[in-house]
Amino acid sequence: MDGQGATDDPRLQQFIEMESQKHRFQQLVHQMTEVCWEKCMDKPGPKLDSRTETCFSNCVERFIDTSQFILNRLEQTQKSKGSFSENMLD
């Protein structure tokens, strides 16, 4: 053994990151489905009426908009913390 761990393998790191992203995406879809189902589905039936279909569509769009807003906000916060700590070191 050369002393390197399995986490030093870039292919393994890339695979782990891809699997982690898939897992996060699946969690997001599950959460969105749960929220929109509770909000829009009054009584399950053999097909969706136009009101329910519109509700689901709007719910999904707002969920995606909100998720994107939160991600952008977190990125801005991280960037501002990074520049703040860099300024502190100067």
PDB file of N, CA and C in Angstrom:
ATOM      1  N   MET A   1       0.849  -1.187   0.000  1.00  0.00           N
ATOM      2  CA  MET A   1       0.000   0.000   0.000  1.00  0.00           C
ATOM      3  C   MET A   1       0.882   1.233   0.000  1.00  0.00           C
ATOM      4  N   ASP A   2       0.461   2.246  -0.697  1.00  0.00           N
ATOM      5  CA  ASP A   2       1.237   3.467  -0.785  1.00  0.00           C
ATOM      6  C   ASP A   2       0.781   4.527   0.218  1.00  0.00           C
ATOM      7  N   GLY A   3      -0.127   4.185   1.089  1.00  0.00           N
ATOM      8  CA  GLY A   3      -0.567   5.102   2.136  1.00  0.00           C
ATOM      9  C   GLY A   3      -1.742   5.978   1.738  1.00  0.00           C
ATOM     10  N   GLN A   4      -2.151   5.938   0.476  1.00  0.00           N
ATOM     11  CA  GLN A   4      -3.286   6.741   0.049  1.00  0.00           C
ATOM     12  C   GLN A   4      -4.577   6.005   0.368  1.00  0.00           C
ATOM     13  N   GLY A   5      -5.556   6.742   0.851  1.00  0.00           N
ATOM     14  CA  GLY A   5      -6.851   6.147   1.130  1.00  0.00           C
ATOM     15  C   GLY A   5      -7.716   6.121  -0.111  1.00  0.00           C
ATOM     16  N   ALA A   6      -8.823   5.432  -0.020  1.00  0.00           N
ATOM     17  CA  ALA A   6      -9.750   5.324  -1.154  1.00  0.00           C
ATOM     18  C   ALA A   6     -10.322   6.685  -1.530  1.00  0.00           C
ATOM     19  N   THR A   7     -10.380   7.605  -0.568  1.00  0.00           N
ATOM     20  CA  THR A   7     -10.946   8.921  -0.856  1.00  0.00           C
ATOM     21  C   THR A   7     -10.002   9.783  -1.685  1.00  0.00           C
ATOM     22  N   ASP A   8      -8.772   9.340  -1.893  1.00  0.00           N
ATOM     23  CA  ASP A   8      -7.832  10.074  -2.742  1.00  0.00           C
ATOM     24  C   ASP A   8      -8.068   9.794  -4.224  1.00  0.00           C
ATOM     25  N   ASP A   9      -8.868   8.817  -4.535  1.00  0.00           N
ATOM     26  CA  ASP A   9      -9.161   8.459  -5.925  1.00  0.00           C
ATOM     27  C   ASP A   9     -10.186   9.439  -6.485  1.00  0.00           C
ATOM     28  N   PRO A  10      -9.799  10.251  -7.490  1.00  0.00           N
ATOM     29  CA  PRO A  10     -10.745  11.247  -8.021  1.00  0.00           C
ATOM     30  C   PRO A  10     -11.988  10.628  -8.642  1.00  0.00           C
ATOM     31  N   ARG A  11     -11.861   9.443  -9.233  1.00  0.00           N
ATOM     32  CA  ARG A  11     -13.038   8.784  -9.820  1.00  0.00           C
ATOM     33  C   ARG A  11     -14.023   8.397  -8.730  1.00  0.00           C
ATOM     34  N   LEU A  12     -13.502   7.906  -7.610  1.00  0.00           N
ATOM     35  CA  LEU A  12     -14.369   7.542  -6.490  1.00  0.00           C
ATOM     36  C   LEU A  12     -15.037   8.789  -5.907  1.00  0.00           C
ATOM     37  N   GLN A  13     -14.278   9.860  -5.769  1.00  0.00           N
ATOM     38  CA  GLN A  13     -14.846  11.104  -5.253  1.00  0.00           C
ATOM     39  C   GLN A  13     -15.953  11.618  -6.173  1.00  0.00           C
ATOM     40  N   GLN A  14     -15.723  11.538  -7.484  1.00  0.00           N
ATOM     41  CA  GLN A  14     -16.731  11.986  -8.453  1.00  0.00           C
ATOM     42  C   GLN A  14     -17.980  11.109  -8.364  1.00  0.00           C
ATOM     43  N   PHE A  15     -17.790   9.798  -8.239  1.00  0.00           N
ATOM     44  CA  PHE A  15     -18.926   8.884  -8.114  1.00  0.00           C
ATOM     45  C   PHE A  15     -19.730   9.198  -6.852  1.00  0.00           C
ATOM     46  N   ILE A  16     -19.037   9.413  -5.752  1.00  0.00           N
ATOM     47  CA  ILE A  16     -19.714   9.707  -4.479  1.00  0.00           C
ATOM     48  C   ILE A  16     -20.492  11.016  -4.597  1.00  0.00           C
ATOM     49  N   GLU A  17     -19.895  12.025  -5.221  1.00  0.00           N
ATOM     50  CA  GLU A  17     -20.580  13.306  -5.398  1.00  0.00           C
ATOM     51  C   GLU A  17     -21.819  13.158  -6.276  1.00  0.00           C
ATOM     52  N   MET A  18     -21.704  12.385  -7.345  1.00  0.00           N
ATOM     53  CA  MET A  18     -22.863  12.169  -8.233  1.00  0.00           C
ATOM     54  C   MET A  18     -23.979  11.440  -7.493  1.00  0.00           C
ATOM     55  N   GLU A  19     -23.628  10.421  -6.723  1.00  0.00           N
ATOM     56  CA  GLU A  19     -24.644   9.692  -5.963  1.00  0.00           C
ATOM     57  C   GLU A  19     -25.285  10.589  -4.907  1.00  0.00           C
ATOM     58  N   SER A  20     -24.482  11.434  -4.304  1.00  0.00           N
ATOM     59  CA  SER A  20     -24.990  12.364  -3.303  1.00  0.00           C
ATOM     60  C   SER A  20     -25.964  13.351  -3.941  1.00  0.00           C
ATOM     61  N   GLN A  21     -25.630  13.842  -5.138  1.00  0.00           N
ATOM     62  CA  GLN A  21     -26.524  14.752  -5.852  1.00  0.00           C
ATOM     63  C   GLN A  21     -27.830  14.050  -6.221  1.00  0.00           C
ATOM     64  N   LYS A  22     -27.755  12.795  -6.657  1.00  0.00           N
ATOM     65  CA  LYS A  22     -28.974  12.036  -6.977  1.00  0.00           C
ATOM     66  C   LYS A  22     -29.861  11.904  -5.736  1.00  0.00           C
ATOM     67  N   HIS A  23     -29.227  11.607  -4.608  1.00  0.00           N
ATOM     68  CA  HIS A  23     -29.971  11.437  -3.365  1.00  0.00           C
ATOM     69  C   HIS A  23     -30.654  12.753  -2.970  1.00  0.00           C
ATOM     70  N   ARG A  24     -29.920  13.872  -3.061  1.00  0.00           N
ATOM     71  CA  ARG A  24     -30.511  15.174  -2.721  1.00  0.00           C
ATOM     72  C   ARG A  24     -31.675  15.499  -3.659  1.00  0.00           C
ATOM     73  N   PHE A  25     -31.525  15.195  -4.946  1.00  0.00           N
ATOM     74  CA  PHE A  25     -32.594  15.446  -5.910  1.00  0.00           C
ATOM     75  C   PHE A  25     -33.820  14.606  -5.578  1.00  0.00           C
ATOM     76  N   GLN A  26     -33.618  13.330  -5.258  1.00  0.00           N
ATOM     77  CA  GLN A  26     -34.744  12.456  -4.904  1.00  0.00           C
ATOM     78  C   GLN A  26     -35.447  12.958  -3.655  1.00  0.00           C
ATOM     79  N   GLN A  27     -34.688  13.444  -2.680  1.00  0.00           N
ATOM     80  CA  GLN A  27     -35.296  13.994  -1.471  1.00  0.00           C
ATOM     81  C   GLN A  27     -36.135  15.231  -1.803  1.00  0.00           C
ATOM     82  N   LEU A  28     -35.611  16.074  -2.684  1.00  0.00           N
ATOM     83  CA  LEU A  28     -36.317  17.283  -3.080  1.00  0.00           C
ATOM     84  C   LEU A  28     -37.624  16.943  -3.791  1.00  0.00           C
ATOM     85  N   VAL A  29     -37.581  15.974  -4.709  1.00  0.00           N
ATOM     86  CA  VAL A  29     -38.786  15.553  -5.420  1.00  0.00           C
ATOM     87  C   VAL A  29     -39.804  14.974  -4.436  1.00  0.00           C
ATOM     88  N   HIS A  30     -39.339  14.162  -3.498  1.00  0.00           N
ATOM     89  CA  HIS A  30     -40.245  13.580  -2.497  1.00  0.00           C
ATOM     90  C   HIS A  30     -40.900  14.679  -1.666  1.00  0.00           C
ATOM     91  N   GLN A  31     -40.108  15.644  -1.229  1.00  0.00           N
ATOM     92  CA  GLN A  31     -40.639  16.739  -0.416  1.00  0.00           C
ATOM     93  C   GLN A  31     -41.651  17.559  -1.222  1.00  0.00           C
ATOM     94  N   MET A  32     -41.308  17.853  -2.483  1.00  0.00           N
ATOM     95  CA  MET A  32     -42.208  18.627  -3.341  1.00  0.00           C
ATOM     96  C   MET A  32     -43.523  17.876  -3.552  1.00  0.00           C
ATOM     97  N   THR A  33     -43.432  16.582  -3.801  1.00  0.00           N
ATOM     98  CA  THR A  33     -44.632  15.777  -4.016  1.00  0.00           C
ATOM     99  C   THR A  33     -45.515  15.794  -2.784  1.00  0.00           C
ATOM    100  N   GLU A  34     -44.904  15.642  -1.627  1.00  0.00           N
ATOM    101  CA  GLU A  34     -45.666  15.635  -0.374  1.00  0.00           C
ATOM    102  C   GLU A  34     -46.364  16.970  -0.140  1.00  0.00           C
ATOM    103  N   VAL A  35     -45.630  18.067  -0.312  1.00  0.00           N
ATOM    104  CA  VAL A  35     -46.195  19.398  -0.087  1.00  0.00           C
ATOM    105  C   VAL A  35     -47.341  19.665  -1.060  1.00  0.00           C
ATOM    106  N   CYS A  36     -47.102  19.405  -2.344  1.00  0.00           N
ATOM    107  CA  CYS A  36     -48.119  19.710  -3.354  1.00  0.00           C
ATOM    108  C   CYS A  36     -49.333  18.783  -3.235  1.00  0.00           C
ATOM    109  N   TRP A  37     -49.110  17.538  -2.853  1.00  0.00           N
ATOM    110  CA  TRP A  37     -50.230  16.611  -2.665  1.00  0.00           C
ATOM    111  C   TRP A  37     -51.134  17.124  -1.551  1.00  0.00           C
ATOM    112  N   GLU A  38     -50.537  17.500  -0.432  1.00  0.00           N
ATOM    113  CA  GLU A  38     -51.319  17.996   0.703  1.00  0.00           C
ATOM    114  C   GLU A  38     -52.066  19.275   0.342  1.00  0.00           C
ATOM    115  N   LYS A  39     -51.437  20.123  -0.441  1.00  0.00           N
ATOM    116  CA  LYS A  39     -52.045  21.406  -0.788  1.00  0.00           C
ATOM    117  C   LYS A  39     -53.152  21.267  -1.833  1.00  0.00           C
ATOM    118  N   CYS A  40     -52.976  20.392  -2.805  1.00  0.00           N
ATOM    119  CA  CYS A  40     -53.845  20.394  -3.982  1.00  0.00           C
ATOM    120  C   CYS A  40     -54.870  19.262  -4.046  1.00  0.00           C
ATOM    121  N   MET A  41     -54.583  18.137  -3.444  1.00  0.00           N
ATOM    122  CA  MET A  41     -55.435  16.965  -3.642  1.00  0.00           C
ATOM    123  C   MET A  41     -56.506  16.888  -2.559  1.00  0.00           C
ATOM    124  N   ASP A  42     -57.731  17.261  -2.953  1.00  0.00           N
ATOM    125  CA  ASP A  42     -58.857  17.189  -2.021  1.00  0.00           C
ATOM    126  C   ASP A  42     -59.335  15.750  -1.857  1.00  0.00           C
ATOM    127  N   LYS A  43     -59.670  15.147  -2.982  1.00  0.00           N
ATOM    128  CA  LYS A  43     -60.151  13.769  -2.953  1.00  0.00           C
ATOM    129  C   LYS A  43     -59.607  13.049  -4.187  1.00  0.00           C
ATOM    130  N   PRO A  44     -58.821  12.008  -3.962  1.00  0.00           N
ATOM    131  CA  PRO A  44     -58.266  11.257  -5.104  1.00  0.00           C
ATOM    132  C   PRO A  44     -59.379  10.647  -5.947  1.00  0.00           C
ATOM    133  N   GLY A  45     -59.172  10.679  -7.241  1.00  0.00           N
ATOM    134  CA  GLY A  45     -60.137  10.105  -8.173  1.00  0.00           C
ATOM    135  C   GLY A  45     -59.421   9.481  -9.346  1.00  0.00           C
ATOM    136  N   PRO A  46     -60.187   9.007 -10.326  1.00  0.00           N
ATOM    137  CA  PRO A  46     -59.560   8.343 -11.476  1.00  0.00           C
ATOM    138  C   PRO A  46     -58.781   9.300 -12.372  1.00  0.00           C
ATOM    139  N   LYS A  47     -59.118  10.614 -12.332  1.00  0.00           N
ATOM    140  CA  LYS A  47     -58.348  11.585 -13.106  1.00  0.00           C
ATOM    141  C   LYS A  47     -58.405  12.941 -12.418  1.00  0.00           C
ATOM    142  N   LEU A  48     -57.450  13.808 -12.788  1.00  0.00           N
ATOM    143  CA  LEU A  48     -57.382  15.133 -12.176  1.00  0.00           C
ATOM    144  C   LEU A  48     -58.327  16.085 -12.886  1.00  0.00           C
ATOM    145  N   ASP A  49     -59.044  16.890 -12.107  1.00  0.00           N
ATOM    146  CA  ASP A  49     -59.830  17.942 -12.740  1.00  0.00           C
ATOM    147  C   ASP A  49     -58.891  19.118 -13.039  1.00  0.00           C
ATOM    148  N   SER A  50     -59.371  20.067 -13.805  1.00  0.00           N
ATOM    149  CA  SER A  50     -58.503  21.168 -14.251  1.00  0.00           C
ATOM    150  C   SER A  50     -58.021  22.022 -13.074  1.00  0.00           C
ATOM    151  N   ARG A  51     -58.856  22.204 -12.061  1.00  0.00           N
ATOM    152  CA  ARG A  51     -58.454  22.992 -10.894  1.00  0.00           C
ATOM    153  C   ARG A  51     -57.304  22.324 -10.168  1.00  0.00           C
ATOM    154  N   THR A  52     -57.383  21.014  -9.966  1.00  0.00           N
ATOM    155  CA  THR A  52     -56.336  20.276  -9.270  1.00  0.00           C
ATOM    156  C   THR A  52     -55.060  20.261 -10.096  1.00  0.00           C
ATOM    157  N   GLU A  53     -55.202  20.067 -11.391  1.00  0.00           N
ATOM    158  CA  GLU A  53     -54.035  20.054 -12.272  1.00  0.00           C
ATOM    159  C   GLU A  53     -53.318  21.412 -12.246  1.00  0.00           C
ATOM    160  N   THR A  54     -54.095  22.495 -12.291  1.00  0.00           N
ATOM    161  CA  THR A  54     -53.519  23.838 -12.222  1.00  0.00           C
ATOM    162  C   THR A  54     -52.837  24.063 -10.880  1.00  0.00           C
ATOM    163  N   CYS A  55     -53.466  23.599  -9.820  1.00  0.00           N
ATOM    164  CA  CYS A  55     -52.892  23.730  -8.484  1.00  0.00           C
ATOM    165  C   CYS A  55     -51.544  23.014  -8.410  1.00  0.00           C
ATOM    166  N   PHE A  56     -51.485  21.768  -8.909  1.00  0.00           N
ATOM    167  CA  PHE A  56     -50.223  21.024  -8.906  1.00  0.00           C
ATOM    168  C   PHE A  56     -49.150  21.751  -9.702  1.00  0.00           C
ATOM    169  N   SER A  57     -49.514  22.232 -10.865  1.00  0.00           N
ATOM    170  CA  SER A  57     -48.566  22.937 -11.718  1.00  0.00           C
ATOM    171  C   SER A  57     -48.015  24.181 -11.015  1.00  0.00           C
ATOM    172  N   ASN A  58     -48.897  24.978 -10.449  1.00  0.00           N
ATOM    173  CA  ASN A  58     -48.470  26.179  -9.723  1.00  0.00           C
ATOM    174  C   ASN A  58     -47.635  25.830  -8.500  1.00  0.00           C
ATOM    175  N   CYS A  59     -48.029  24.802  -7.796  1.00  0.00           N
ATOM    176  CA  CYS A  59     -47.309  24.382  -6.594  1.00  0.00           C
ATOM    177  C   CYS A  59     -45.878  23.968  -6.939  1.00  0.00           C
ATOM    178  N   VAL A  60     -45.728  23.166  -7.984  1.00  0.00           N
ATOM    179  CA  VAL A  60     -44.402  22.712  -8.396  1.00  0.00           C
ATOM    180  C   VAL A  60     -43.548  23.912  -8.819  1.00  0.00           C
ATOM    181  N   GLU A  61     -44.121  24.813  -9.598  1.00  0.00           N
ATOM    182  CA  GLU A  61     -43.372  25.992 -10.040  1.00  0.00           C
ATOM    183  C   GLU A  61     -42.935  26.854  -8.861  1.00  0.00           C
ATOM    184  N   ARG A  62     -43.810  27.070  -7.883  1.00  0.00           N
ATOM    185  CA  ARG A  62     -43.446  27.879  -6.713  1.00  0.00           C
ATOM    186  C   ARG A  62     -42.411  27.150  -5.858  1.00  0.00           C
ATOM    187  N   PHE A  63     -42.525  25.836  -5.758  1.00  0.00           N
ATOM    188  CA  PHE A  63     -41.566  25.057  -4.991  1.00  0.00           C
ATOM    189  C   PHE A  63     -40.174  25.185  -5.616  1.00  0.00           C
ATOM    190  N   ILE A  64     -40.109  25.073  -6.943  1.00  0.00           N
ATOM    191  CA  ILE A  64     -38.831  25.203  -7.646  1.00  0.00           C
ATOM    192  C   ILE A  64     -38.290  26.625  -7.483  1.00  0.00           C
ATOM    193  N   ASP A  65     -39.150  27.631  -7.655  1.00  0.00           N
ATOM    194  CA  ASP A  65     -38.718  29.030  -7.483  1.00  0.00           C
ATOM    195  C   ASP A  65     -38.161  29.261  -6.079  1.00  0.00           C
ATOM    196  N   THR A  66     -38.859  28.755  -5.085  1.00  0.00           N
ATOM    197  CA  THR A  66     -38.437  28.934  -3.700  1.00  0.00           C
ATOM    198  C   THR A  66     -37.114  28.217  -3.440  1.00  0.00           C
ATOM    199  N   SER A  67     -36.989  26.998  -3.934  1.00  0.00           N
ATOM    200  CA  SER A  67     -35.743  26.247  -3.746  1.00  0.00           C
ATOM    201  C   SER A  67     -34.574  26.972  -4.398  1.00  0.00           C
ATOM    202  N   GLN A  68     -34.789  27.495  -5.603  1.00  0.00           N
ATOM    203  CA  GLN A  68     -33.734  28.228  -6.310  1.00  0.00           C
ATOM    204  C   GLN A  68     -33.370  29.498  -5.555  1.00  0.00           C
ATOM    205  N   PHE A  69     -34.361  30.197  -5.039  1.00  0.00           N
ATOM    206  CA  PHE A  69     -34.109  31.412  -4.260  1.00  0.00           C
ATOM    207  C   PHE A  69     -33.259  31.099  -3.031  1.00  0.00           C
ATOM    208  N   ILE A  70     -33.616  30.034  -2.333  1.00  0.00           N
ATOM    209  CA  ILE A  70     -32.873  29.655  -1.132  1.00  0.00           C
ATOM    210  C   ILE A  70     -31.431  29.290  -1.479  1.00  0.00           C
ATOM    211  N   LEU A  71     -31.238  28.511  -2.555  1.00  0.00           N
ATOM    212  CA  LEU A  71     -29.882  28.151  -2.966  1.00  0.00           C
ATOM    213  C   LEU A  71     -29.061  29.384  -3.323  1.00  0.00           C
ATOM    214  N   ASN A  72     -29.658  30.302  -4.073  1.00  0.00           N
ATOM    215  CA  ASN A  72     -28.951  31.533  -4.429  1.00  0.00           C
ATOM    216  C   ASN A  72     -28.598  32.347  -3.190  1.00  0.00           C
ATOM    217  N   ARG A  73     -29.513  32.402  -2.261  1.00  0.00           N
ATOM    218  CA  ARG A  73     -29.283  33.154  -1.025  1.00  0.00           C
ATOM    219  C   ARG A  73     -28.155  32.522  -0.214  1.00  0.00           C
ATOM    220  N   LEU A  74     -28.141  31.202  -0.121  1.00  0.00           N
ATOM    221  CA  LEU A  74     -27.069  30.517   0.599  1.00  0.00           C
ATOM    222  C   LEU A  74     -25.716  30.759  -0.067  1.00  0.00           C
ATOM    223  N   GLU A  75     -25.686  30.729  -1.402  1.00  0.00           N
ATOM    224  CA  GLU A  75     -24.443  31.004  -2.120  1.00  0.00           C
ATOM    225  C   GLU A  75     -23.954  32.418  -1.830  1.00  0.00           C
ATOM    226  N   GLN A  76     -24.865  33.390  -1.844  1.00  0.00           N
ATOM    227  CA  GLN A  76     -24.486  34.775  -1.554  1.00  0.00           C
ATOM    228  C   GLN A  76     -23.949  34.902  -0.136  1.00  0.00           C
ATOM    229  N   THR A  77     -24.600  34.222   0.804  1.00  0.00           N
ATOM    230  CA  THR A  77     -24.167  34.264   2.194  1.00  0.00           C
ATOM    231  C   THR A  77     -22.772  33.669   2.338  1.00  0.00           C
ATOM    232  N   GLN A  78     -22.534  32.527   1.672  1.00  0.00           N
ATOM    233  CA  GLN A  78     -21.221  31.894   1.730  1.00  0.00           C
ATOM    234  C   GLN A  78     -20.151  32.789   1.113  1.00  0.00           C
ATOM    235  N   LYS A  79     -20.473  33.424  -0.016  1.00  0.00           N
ATOM    236  CA  LYS A  79     -19.509  34.314  -0.672  1.00  0.00           C
ATOM    237  C   LYS A  79     -19.192  35.513   0.211  1.00  0.00           C
ATOM    238  N   SER A  80     -20.219  36.082   0.837  1.00  0.00           N
ATOM    239  CA  SER A  80     -19.979  37.249   1.686  1.00  0.00           C
ATOM    240  C   SER A  80     -19.197  36.865   2.936  1.00  0.00           C
ATOM    241  N   LYS A  81     -19.435  35.685   3.481  1.00  0.00           N
ATOM    242  CA  LYS A  81     -18.643  35.222   4.628  1.00  0.00           C
ATOM    243  C   LYS A  81     -17.202  34.992   4.209  1.00  0.00           C
ATOM    244  N   GLY A  82     -17.011  34.440   3.011  1.00  0.00           N
ATOM    245  CA  GLY A  82     -15.660  34.195   2.509  1.00  0.00           C
ATOM    246  C   GLY A  82     -14.908  35.492   2.307  1.00  0.00           C
ATOM    247  N   SER A  83     -15.550  36.496   1.705  1.00  0.00           N
ATOM    248  CA  SER A  83     -14.858  37.767   1.481  1.00  0.00           C
ATOM    249  C   SER A  83     -14.647  38.488   2.801  1.00  0.00           C
ATOM    250  N   PHE A  84     -15.561  38.325   3.758  1.00  0.00           N
ATOM    251  CA  PHE A  84     -15.399  38.941   5.060  1.00  0.00           C
ATOM    252  C   PHE A  84     -14.193  38.350   5.779  1.00  0.00           C
ATOM    253  N   SER A  85     -14.063  37.021   5.747  1.00  0.00           N
ATOM    254  CA  SER A  85     -12.935  36.396   6.443  1.00  0.00           C
ATOM    255  C   SER A  85     -11.627  36.705   5.726  1.00  0.00           C
ATOM    256  N   GLU A  86     -11.655  36.848   4.378  1.00  0.00           N
ATOM    257  CA  GLU A  86     -10.439  37.227   3.665  1.00  0.00           C
ATOM    258  C   GLU A  86     -10.025  38.641   4.042  1.00  0.00           C
ATOM    259  N   ASN A  87     -10.998  39.541   4.218  1.00  0.00           N
ATOM    260  CA  ASN A  87     -10.686  40.903   4.611  1.00  0.00           C
ATOM    261  C   ASN A  87     -10.119  40.954   6.024  1.00  0.00           C
ATOM    262  N   MET A  88     -10.569  40.073   6.870  1.00  0.00           N
ATOM    263  CA  MET A  88     -10.080  40.026   8.248  1.00  0.00           C
ATOM    264  C   MET A  88      -8.611  39.603   8.286  1.00  0.00           C
ATOM    265  N   LEU A  89      -8.194  38.797   7.324  1.00  0.00           N
ATOM    266  CA  LEU A  89      -6.822  38.313   7.307  1.00  0.00           C
ATOM    267  C   LEU A  89      -5.850  39.346   6.751  1.00  0.00           C
ATOM    268  N   ASP A  90      -6.354  40.330   5.983  1.00  0.00           N
ATOM    269  CA  ASP A  90      -5.488  41.340   5.385  1.00  0.00           C
ATOM    270  C   ASP A  90      -4.969  42.317   6.412  1.00  0.00           C
TER     271      ASP A  90
END
